[in-house]
Amino acid sequence: LIAPFLFGANLALVGWVLLVQWLYVGSQDGMLAIFVTAEYRSAITFRMLVGPIATTLTVLVCFWSSDVSVAIYLLLLPLYLVPGSVTGRPGSIHSHSAR
C-alpha cells in the first residue's frame, strides 16, 4: 500500500509543480518564443493536466486497491514516455541561415 501511494504522490506532486511553472511562464510576456501560439499553449496545458489529475486520482484508488493503482500507473507510462503530437505545432527552431 505504501509504495504505490508514494510513487503516485511523487508523480502527482512533480506534475502539479511543472504545470504551475508552465502556467507562470505562459502568463508572462516575453517568456515564450514568438512562434508559440495561444492554441499551442492551450494544447500543452491540456496535455500537462492529464498526468497530475490521473495520478492524483490513482493515489486515492490506492487506498481501495493497490493492484488497480499499479495497473493504472502502468497505463500512464506511455503518457510520460511517448511524445504527443500537438496540432498547431510551431515551425522549426533551427536557423535557415545554417544551410
Protein backbone atom coordinates (compact mmCIF):
# COMPACT_ATOMS: atom_id res chain seq x y z
CA LEU A 1 0.00 0.00 0.00
CA ILE A 2 2.73 2.46 0.87
CA ALA A 3 4.91 2.03 -2.27
CA PRO A 4 2.14 2.73 -4.82
CA PHE A 5 0.97 5.63 -2.67
CA LEU A 6 4.43 7.24 -2.51
CA PHE A 7 5.06 6.61 -6.20
CA GLY A 8 1.78 8.22 -7.21
CA ALA A 9 2.14 11.09 -4.76
CA ASN A 10 5.59 11.82 -6.18
CA LEU A 11 4.34 11.75 -9.78
CA ALA A 12 1.37 13.94 -8.89
CA LEU A 13 3.47 16.47 -6.98
CA VAL A 14 6.04 16.77 -9.76
CA GLY A 15 3.27 17.06 -12.36
CA TRP A 16 1.46 19.82 -10.44
CA VAL A 17 4.72 21.76 -9.92
CA LEU A 18 5.58 21.55 -13.62
CA LEU A 19 2.07 22.64 -14.54
CA VAL A 20 2.30 25.68 -12.24
CA GLN A 21 5.66 26.58 -13.81
CA TRP A 22 4.19 26.27 -17.30
CA LEU A 23 1.20 28.43 -16.39
CA TYR A 24 3.51 31.07 -14.92
CA VAL A 25 5.72 31.12 -18.00
CA GLY A 26 2.66 31.36 -20.25
CA SER A 27 1.30 34.30 -18.29
CA GLN A 28 4.47 36.41 -18.56
CA ASP A 29 5.21 38.49 -21.64
CA GLY A 30 8.41 37.55 -23.40
CA MET A 31 8.94 34.23 -21.58
CA LEU A 32 7.96 32.11 -24.59
CA ALA A 33 9.25 32.27 -28.13
CA ILE A 34 7.23 34.37 -30.54
CA PHE A 35 6.15 31.36 -32.62
CA VAL A 36 4.40 29.69 -29.65
CA THR A 37 0.75 30.43 -30.36
CA ALA A 38 -2.11 30.54 -27.87
CA GLU A 39 -3.52 27.37 -29.44
CA TYR A 40 -0.23 25.57 -28.90
CA ARG A 41 -0.03 26.79 -25.29
CA SER A 42 -3.54 25.53 -24.55
CA ALA A 43 -2.77 22.15 -26.13
CA ILE A 44 0.36 21.79 -24.00
CA THR A 45 -1.57 22.87 -20.89
CA PHE A 46 -4.21 20.21 -21.54
CA ARG A 47 -1.56 17.54 -22.04
CA MET A 48 0.21 18.61 -18.86
CA LEU A 49 -3.06 18.43 -16.90
CA VAL A 50 -3.74 14.80 -17.76
CA GLY A 51 -0.82 13.35 -15.80
CA PRO A 52 -1.29 15.13 -12.46
CA ILE A 53 -5.06 14.64 -12.47
CA ALA A 54 -4.75 10.93 -13.31
CA THR A 55 -2.02 10.29 -10.76
CA THR A 56 -3.85 12.23 -8.03
CA LEU A 57 -6.96 10.13 -8.62
CA THR A 58 -4.86 6.97 -8.72
CA VAL A 59 -3.33 7.83 -5.34
CA LEU A 60 -6.87 7.84 -3.97
CA VAL A 61 -7.61 4.50 -5.70
CA CYS A 62 -4.52 3.09 -3.98
CA PHE A 63 -6.38 3.00 -0.66
CA TRP A 64 -9.07 0.86 -2.26
CA SER A 65 -6.82 -1.49 -4.27
CA SER A 66 -3.08 -1.22 -4.72
CA ASP A 67 -3.21 -3.71 -7.63
CA VAL A 68 -5.58 -1.46 -9.57
CA SER A 69 -3.46 1.59 -8.86
CA VAL A 70 -0.31 -0.16 -10.12
CA ALA A 71 -2.17 -1.16 -13.28
CA ILE A 72 -3.26 2.46 -13.82
CA TYR A 73 0.33 3.66 -13.30
CA LEU A 74 1.47 1.19 -15.96
CA LEU A 75 -1.18 2.52 -18.33
CA LEU A 76 0.04 6.08 -17.67
CA LEU A 77 3.66 5.31 -18.57
CA PRO A 78 3.21 6.00 -22.31
CA LEU A 79 1.98 9.49 -21.41
CA TYR A 80 5.41 10.23 -19.97
CA LEU A 81 7.50 8.17 -22.39
CA VAL A 82 5.96 8.89 -25.78
CA PRO A 83 5.92 12.47 -27.03
CA GLY A 84 2.48 13.54 -28.15
CA SER A 85 1.60 15.26 -31.35
CA VAL A 86 0.06 18.64 -30.85
CA THR A 87 -1.90 20.39 -33.55
CA GLY A 88 -0.70 23.85 -34.40
CA ARG A 89 2.91 22.99 -33.66
CA PRO A 90 5.27 25.88 -34.17
CA GLY A 91 7.75 25.73 -37.02
CA SER A 92 11.27 24.50 -36.73
CA ILE A 93 13.52 26.45 -34.40
CA HIS A 94 16.59 25.70 -36.50
CA SER A 95 18.12 28.66 -38.27
CA HIS A 96 17.64 28.79 -42.02
CA SER A 97 20.99 30.51 -42.44
CA ALA A 98 22.85 27.41 -41.26
CA ARG A 99 22.31 25.61 -44.58
